Amino acid sequence: MEKVYDDWIEKFMMSWKKLEGVNTVRYFSKDCKYFENPLDNPCSTFEEIEKLWEVVEENQKDIEYSYEIICYNENVCIVNWKMKRLFIPNNTIQNIDGIFEIRLNEDGLCNYFKQWRFTR
């Protein structure tokens, strides 16, 4: 099971690094419960998820990342991820440390995504 999660995370993070934006959403199911912020309600439609990713190419570049699977079982995977990127709107280098909680369906697509992140 760890390999399944690791494969999904690697594909997702690499797509993000390559600034593929809307193509990154192909790793999510159409019915994904997607929390951009753990305190907010999840996106109500798949189109909302797509809108979140449409701006990636415009607002960030020079992405470097790493991740570590903290724990997993057949239902859920917890991932610690780190990223360094140039945030274009204010031309600053951001260092991010975050957690993903992901769940995959039988097709290997993420149907539950929640993230916590801290940016410096």
N, C-alpha and C. Protein backbone atom coordinates (compact mmCIF):
# COMPACT_ATOMS: atom_id res chain seq x y z
N MET A 1 0.82 -1.20 0.00
CA MET A 1 0.00 0.00 0.00
C MET A 1 0.86 1.26 0.00
N GLU A 2 1.99 1.21 0.71
CA GLU A 2 2.86 2.39 0.75
C GLU A 2 3.30 2.79 -0.65
N LYS A 3 3.60 1.81 -1.50
CA LYS A 3 4.03 2.12 -2.87
C LYS A 3 2.92 2.84 -3.64
N VAL A 4 1.70 2.44 -3.45
CA VAL A 4 0.57 3.09 -4.13
C VAL A 4 0.51 4.56 -3.73
N TYR A 5 0.60 4.82 -2.42
CA TYR A 5 0.59 6.21 -1.96
C TYR A 5 1.82 6.97 -2.46
N ASP A 6 2.98 6.35 -2.36
CA ASP A 6 4.22 7.00 -2.80
C ASP A 6 4.14 7.36 -4.28
N ASP A 7 3.63 6.46 -5.10
CA ASP A 7 3.48 6.75 -6.53
C ASP A 7 2.56 7.95 -6.77
N TRP A 8 1.43 7.98 -6.04
CA TRP A 8 0.49 9.08 -6.21
C TRP A 8 1.14 10.40 -5.80
N ILE A 9 1.78 10.42 -4.65
CA ILE A 9 2.40 11.65 -4.15
C ILE A 9 3.48 12.14 -5.10
N GLU A 10 4.31 11.24 -5.58
CA GLU A 10 5.40 11.63 -6.49
C GLU A 10 4.83 12.24 -7.78
N LYS A 11 3.83 11.62 -8.35
CA LYS A 11 3.22 12.14 -9.59
C LYS A 11 2.59 13.51 -9.34
N PHE A 12 1.87 13.63 -8.24
CA PHE A 12 1.21 14.88 -7.89
C PHE A 12 2.23 16.00 -7.67
N MET A 13 3.26 15.74 -6.87
CA MET A 13 4.26 16.77 -6.56
C MET A 13 5.08 17.13 -7.80
N MET A 14 5.41 16.16 -8.64
CA MET A 14 6.17 16.45 -9.85
C MET A 14 5.35 17.29 -10.82
N SER A 15 4.07 17.01 -10.93
CA SER A 15 3.19 17.81 -11.77
C SER A 15 3.14 19.24 -11.26
N TRP A 16 3.08 19.41 -9.96
CA TRP A 16 3.08 20.73 -9.35
C TRP A 16 4.40 21.44 -9.66
N LYS A 17 5.51 20.72 -9.47
CA LYS A 17 6.83 21.31 -9.74
C LYS A 17 6.95 21.77 -11.19
N LYS A 18 6.39 21.00 -12.11
CA LYS A 18 6.46 21.34 -13.53
C LYS A 18 5.46 22.42 -13.92
N LEU A 19 4.71 22.91 -12.93
CA LEU A 19 3.73 23.97 -13.14
C LEU A 19 2.67 23.57 -14.15
N GLU A 20 2.23 22.33 -14.04
CA GLU A 20 1.22 21.84 -14.97
C GLU A 20 -0.19 22.28 -14.60
N GLY A 21 -0.33 22.93 -13.47
CA GLY A 21 -1.59 23.55 -13.08
C GLY A 21 -2.80 22.67 -13.23
N VAL A 22 -3.64 22.99 -14.21
CA VAL A 22 -4.89 22.26 -14.35
C VAL A 22 -4.67 20.77 -14.65
N ASN A 23 -3.55 20.40 -15.21
CA ASN A 23 -3.28 18.98 -15.44
C ASN A 23 -3.03 18.24 -14.13
N THR A 24 -2.62 18.96 -13.10
CA THR A 24 -2.37 18.34 -11.80
C THR A 24 -3.66 17.77 -11.22
N VAL A 25 -4.78 18.35 -11.56
CA VAL A 25 -6.05 17.86 -11.01
C VAL A 25 -6.44 16.48 -11.54
N ARG A 26 -5.74 15.99 -12.53
CA ARG A 26 -6.07 14.65 -13.05
C ARG A 26 -5.80 13.56 -12.01
N TYR A 27 -5.10 13.89 -10.94
CA TYR A 27 -4.83 12.92 -9.88
C TYR A 27 -5.93 12.88 -8.82
N PHE A 28 -6.97 13.68 -9.03
CA PHE A 28 -8.11 13.73 -8.11
C PHE A 28 -9.36 13.17 -8.79
N SER A 29 -10.19 12.49 -8.01
CA SER A 29 -11.45 12.00 -8.56
C SER A 29 -12.43 13.17 -8.70
N LYS A 30 -13.39 13.01 -9.55
CA LYS A 30 -14.38 14.07 -9.77
C LYS A 30 -15.21 14.35 -8.52
N ASP A 31 -15.28 13.38 -7.61
CA ASP A 31 -16.05 13.57 -6.38
C ASP A 31 -15.15 13.80 -5.16
N CYS A 32 -13.92 14.25 -5.41
CA CYS A 32 -12.96 14.44 -4.32
C CYS A 32 -13.47 15.47 -3.31
N LYS A 33 -13.31 15.14 -2.06
CA LYS A 33 -13.58 16.08 -0.97
C LYS A 33 -12.24 16.77 -0.72
N TYR A 34 -12.09 18.00 -1.21
CA TYR A 34 -10.81 18.70 -1.28
C TYR A 34 -10.84 19.91 -0.34
N PHE A 35 -9.98 19.87 0.68
CA PHE A 35 -9.85 20.97 1.63
C PHE A 35 -8.56 21.73 1.33
N GLU A 36 -8.67 22.91 0.78
CA GLU A 36 -7.50 23.76 0.57
C GLU A 36 -6.98 24.26 1.92
N ASN A 37 -7.88 24.46 2.84
CA ASN A 37 -7.57 24.92 4.19
C ASN A 37 -8.39 24.07 5.15
N PRO A 38 -7.79 23.50 6.18
CA PRO A 38 -8.53 22.58 7.05
C PRO A 38 -9.67 23.25 7.84
N LEU A 39 -9.66 24.57 7.94
CA LEU A 39 -10.70 25.26 8.69
C LEU A 39 -11.89 25.67 7.82
N ASP A 40 -11.73 25.57 6.51
CA ASP A 40 -12.79 25.94 5.58
C ASP A 40 -13.56 24.70 5.13
N ASN A 41 -14.70 24.92 4.55
CA ASN A 41 -15.44 23.83 3.95
C ASN A 41 -14.68 23.31 2.73
N PRO A 42 -14.87 22.05 2.37
CA PRO A 42 -14.19 21.55 1.17
C PRO A 42 -14.77 22.20 -0.09
N CYS A 43 -14.04 22.11 -1.17
CA CYS A 43 -14.55 22.58 -2.45
C CYS A 43 -15.88 21.87 -2.72
N SER A 44 -16.83 22.59 -3.26
CA SER A 44 -18.15 21.99 -3.47
C SER A 44 -18.28 21.32 -4.83
N THR A 45 -17.37 21.64 -5.76
CA THR A 45 -17.40 21.00 -7.09
C THR A 45 -15.98 20.74 -7.55
N PHE A 46 -15.86 19.88 -8.54
CA PHE A 46 -14.55 19.63 -9.14
C PHE A 46 -14.02 20.88 -9.83
N GLU A 47 -14.92 21.69 -10.36
CA GLU A 47 -14.52 22.93 -11.02
C GLU A 47 -13.83 23.88 -10.04
N GLU A 48 -14.24 23.87 -8.78
CA GLU A 48 -13.56 24.69 -7.77
C GLU A 48 -12.12 24.22 -7.56
N ILE A 49 -11.92 22.92 -7.57
CA ILE A 49 -10.56 22.38 -7.46
C ILE A 49 -9.73 22.84 -8.66
N GLU A 50 -10.30 22.74 -9.85
CA GLU A 50 -9.60 23.19 -11.05
C GLU A 50 -9.22 24.66 -10.96
N LYS A 51 -10.11 25.49 -10.45
CA LYS A 51 -9.81 26.92 -10.32
C LYS A 51 -8.63 27.18 -9.39
N LEU A 52 -8.52 26.39 -8.33
CA LEU A 52 -7.39 26.54 -7.41
C LEU A 52 -6.06 26.30 -8.13
N TRP A 53 -6.07 25.35 -9.06
CA TRP A 53 -4.84 24.97 -9.75
C TRP A 53 -4.57 25.78 -11.02
N GLU A 54 -5.55 26.51 -11.52
CA GLU A 54 -5.35 27.31 -12.73
C GLU A 54 -4.29 28.39 -12.55
N VAL A 55 -4.11 28.89 -11.36
CA VAL A 55 -3.21 30.02 -11.12
C VAL A 55 -1.76 29.61 -10.83
N VAL A 56 -1.51 28.32 -10.72
CA VAL A 56 -0.17 27.86 -10.34
C VAL A 56 0.91 28.39 -11.29
N GLU A 57 0.68 28.30 -12.58
CA GLU A 57 1.68 28.75 -13.55
C GLU A 57 1.96 30.24 -13.43
N GLU A 58 0.97 31.00 -13.01
CA GLU A 58 1.09 32.45 -12.93
C GLU A 58 1.70 32.94 -11.63
N ASN A 59 1.56 32.17 -10.55
CA ASN A 59 1.96 32.73 -9.26
C ASN A 59 3.14 32.06 -8.56
N GLN A 60 3.76 31.04 -9.19
CA GLN A 60 4.91 30.41 -8.55
C GLN A 60 5.84 29.78 -9.58
N LYS A 61 7.10 29.64 -9.18
CA LYS A 61 8.08 28.97 -10.05
C LYS A 61 9.27 28.55 -9.21
N ASP A 62 10.23 27.90 -9.85
CA ASP A 62 11.46 27.43 -9.18
C ASP A 62 11.14 26.57 -7.96
N ILE A 63 10.27 25.61 -8.16
CA ILE A 63 9.79 24.76 -7.07
C ILE A 63 10.78 23.63 -6.79
N GLU A 64 11.11 23.48 -5.53
CA GLU A 64 11.87 22.33 -5.03
C GLU A 64 11.02 21.71 -3.93
N TYR A 65 10.97 20.38 -3.89
CA TYR A 65 10.13 19.75 -2.87
C TYR A 65 10.74 18.46 -2.35
N SER A 66 10.25 18.05 -1.21
CA SER A 66 10.55 16.74 -0.64
C SER A 66 9.32 16.32 0.15
N TYR A 67 9.23 15.04 0.44
CA TYR A 67 8.11 14.56 1.24
C TYR A 67 8.50 13.26 1.93
N GLU A 68 7.76 12.97 2.98
CA GLU A 68 7.95 11.72 3.71
C GLU A 68 6.58 11.22 4.14
N ILE A 69 6.32 9.97 3.85
CA ILE A 69 5.08 9.36 4.33
C ILE A 69 5.27 9.08 5.82
N ILE A 70 4.40 9.68 6.63
CA ILE A 70 4.49 9.55 8.08
C ILE A 70 3.82 8.27 8.55
N CYS A 71 2.61 8.03 8.07
CA CYS A 71 1.90 6.80 8.41
C CYS A 71 0.83 6.55 7.35
N TYR A 72 0.38 5.32 7.28
CA TYR A 72 -0.64 4.96 6.30
C TYR A 72 -1.29 3.64 6.71
N ASN A 73 -2.46 3.41 6.18
CA ASN A 73 -3.10 2.11 6.21
C ASN A 73 -3.88 1.98 4.91
N GLU A 74 -4.76 1.02 4.82
CA GLU A 74 -5.47 0.82 3.55
C GLU A 74 -6.46 1.95 3.25
N ASN A 75 -6.74 2.81 4.23
CA ASN A 75 -7.74 3.86 4.04
C ASN A 75 -7.18 5.27 3.92
N VAL A 76 -6.04 5.54 4.50
CA VAL A 76 -5.56 6.92 4.58
C VAL A 76 -4.03 6.96 4.65
N CYS A 77 -3.48 8.07 4.16
CA CYS A 77 -2.04 8.28 4.20
C CYS A 77 -1.79 9.71 4.69
N ILE A 78 -0.85 9.84 5.62
CA ILE A 78 -0.44 11.14 6.14
C ILE A 78 0.98 11.41 5.64
N VAL A 79 1.15 12.57 5.01
CA VAL A 79 2.42 12.91 4.36
C VAL A 79 2.92 14.25 4.90
N ASN A 80 4.20 14.31 5.27
CA ASN A 80 4.84 15.59 5.58
C ASN A 80 5.57 16.02 4.31
N TRP A 81 5.23 17.20 3.81
CA TRP A 81 5.86 17.70 2.59
C TRP A 81 6.49 19.05 2.86
N LYS A 82 7.57 19.32 2.13
CA LYS A 82 8.27 20.59 2.24
C LYS A 82 8.50 21.12 0.84
N MET A 83 8.43 22.44 0.74
CA MET A 83 8.60 23.05 -0.57
C MET A 83 9.30 24.39 -0.41
N LYS A 84 10.13 24.68 -1.39
CA LYS A 84 10.72 26.00 -1.54
C LYS A 84 10.31 26.46 -2.93
N ARG A 85 9.83 27.70 -3.02
CA ARG A 85 9.39 28.21 -4.32
C ARG A 85 9.50 29.72 -4.33
N LEU A 86 9.52 30.25 -5.54
CA LEU A 86 9.43 31.70 -5.72
C LEU A 86 7.96 32.02 -5.91
N PHE A 87 7.44 32.86 -5.02
CA PHE A 87 6.06 33.31 -5.13
C PHE A 87 6.07 34.59 -5.95
N ILE A 88 5.59 34.51 -7.17
CA ILE A 88 5.73 35.58 -8.16
C ILE A 88 5.03 36.90 -7.77
N PRO A 89 3.79 36.86 -7.23
CA PRO A 89 3.12 38.14 -6.97
C PRO A 89 3.92 39.14 -6.14
N ASN A 90 4.68 38.67 -5.16
CA ASN A 90 5.48 39.62 -4.38
C ASN A 90 6.98 39.33 -4.47
N ASN A 91 7.36 38.46 -5.41
CA ASN A 91 8.75 38.13 -5.69
C ASN A 91 9.52 37.72 -4.43
N THR A 92 8.94 36.81 -3.64
CA THR A 92 9.60 36.32 -2.44
C THR A 92 9.81 34.81 -2.52
N ILE A 93 10.86 34.37 -1.87
CA ILE A 93 11.10 32.94 -1.72
C ILE A 93 10.26 32.46 -0.54
N GLN A 94 9.48 31.43 -0.75
CA GLN A 94 8.68 30.86 0.32
C GLN A 94 9.21 29.48 0.67
N ASN A 95 9.28 29.21 1.95
CA ASN A 95 9.56 27.88 2.46
C ASN A 95 8.30 27.40 3.14
N ILE A 96 7.83 26.24 2.72
CA ILE A 96 6.56 25.70 3.21
C ILE A 96 6.82 24.34 3.85
N ASP A 97 6.19 24.13 4.98
CA ASP A 97 6.20 22.82 5.64
C ASP A 97 4.74 22.46 5.85
N GLY A 98 4.32 21.32 5.34
CA GLY A 98 2.92 20.98 5.40
C GLY A 98 2.63 19.51 5.61
N ILE A 99 1.37 19.25 5.80
CA ILE A 99 0.85 17.89 5.96
C ILE A 99 -0.27 17.70 4.96
N PHE A 100 -0.26 16.57 4.28
CA PHE A 100 -1.39 16.14 3.46
C PHE A 100 -2.04 14.94 4.15
N GLU A 101 -3.33 14.92 4.14
CA GLU A 101 -4.08 13.72 4.46
C GLU A 101 -4.75 13.32 3.17
N ILE A 102 -4.43 12.14 2.65
CA ILE A 102 -5.00 11.72 1.37
C ILE A 102 -5.64 10.34 1.50
N ARG A 103 -6.66 10.16 0.69
CA ARG A 103 -7.32 8.86 0.56
C ARG A 103 -7.49 8.62 -0.93
N LEU A 104 -7.22 7.40 -1.34
CA LEU A 104 -7.31 7.05 -2.76
C LEU A 104 -8.46 6.08 -2.99
N ASN A 105 -9.10 6.23 -4.14
CA ASN A 105 -10.16 5.29 -4.49
C ASN A 105 -9.56 4.07 -5.19
N GLU A 106 -10.41 3.16 -5.61
CA GLU A 106 -9.95 1.92 -6.25
C GLU A 106 -9.25 2.16 -7.58
N ASP A 107 -9.44 3.34 -8.19
CA ASP A 107 -8.77 3.70 -9.44
C ASP A 107 -7.44 4.41 -9.21
N GLY A 108 -7.05 4.58 -7.94
CA GLY A 108 -5.79 5.25 -7.62
C GLY A 108 -5.88 6.77 -7.66
N LEU A 109 -7.10 7.31 -7.71
CA LEU A 109 -7.30 8.76 -7.69
C LEU A 109 -7.62 9.20 -6.28
N CYS A 110 -7.20 10.40 -5.95
CA CYS A 110 -7.44 10.93 -4.62
C CYS A 110 -8.91 11.37 -4.51
N ASN A 111 -9.62 10.80 -3.55
CA ASN A 111 -11.01 11.19 -3.35
C ASN A 111 -11.21 11.94 -2.02
N TYR A 112 -10.12 12.15 -1.28
CA TYR A 112 -10.14 12.97 -0.06
C TYR A 112 -8.77 13.60 0.07
N PHE A 113 -8.75 14.93 0.17
CA PHE A 113 -7.49 15.67 0.24
C PHE A 113 -7.66 16.81 1.23
N LYS A 114 -6.83 16.80 2.26
CA LYS A 114 -6.85 17.89 3.24
C LYS A 114 -5.40 18.26 3.50
N GLN A 115 -5.14 19.56 3.54
CA GLN A 115 -3.77 20.00 3.79
C GLN A 115 -3.70 21.05 4.89
N TRP A 116 -2.61 20.97 5.61
CA TRP A 116 -2.23 21.97 6.59
C TRP A 116 -0.87 22.45 6.13
N ARG A 117 -0.63 23.76 6.13
CA ARG A 117 0.67 24.23 5.68
C ARG A 117 1.05 25.52 6.41
N PHE A 118 2.34 25.63 6.59
CA PHE A 118 2.91 26.82 7.22
C PHE A 118 3.96 27.38 6.30
N THR A 119 3.86 28.67 6.03
CA THR A 119 4.74 29.31 5.06
C THR A 119 5.60 30.35 5.75
N ARG A 120 6.88 30.33 5.40
CA ARG A 120 7.81 31.34 5.89
C ARG A 120 8.46 31.99 4.69
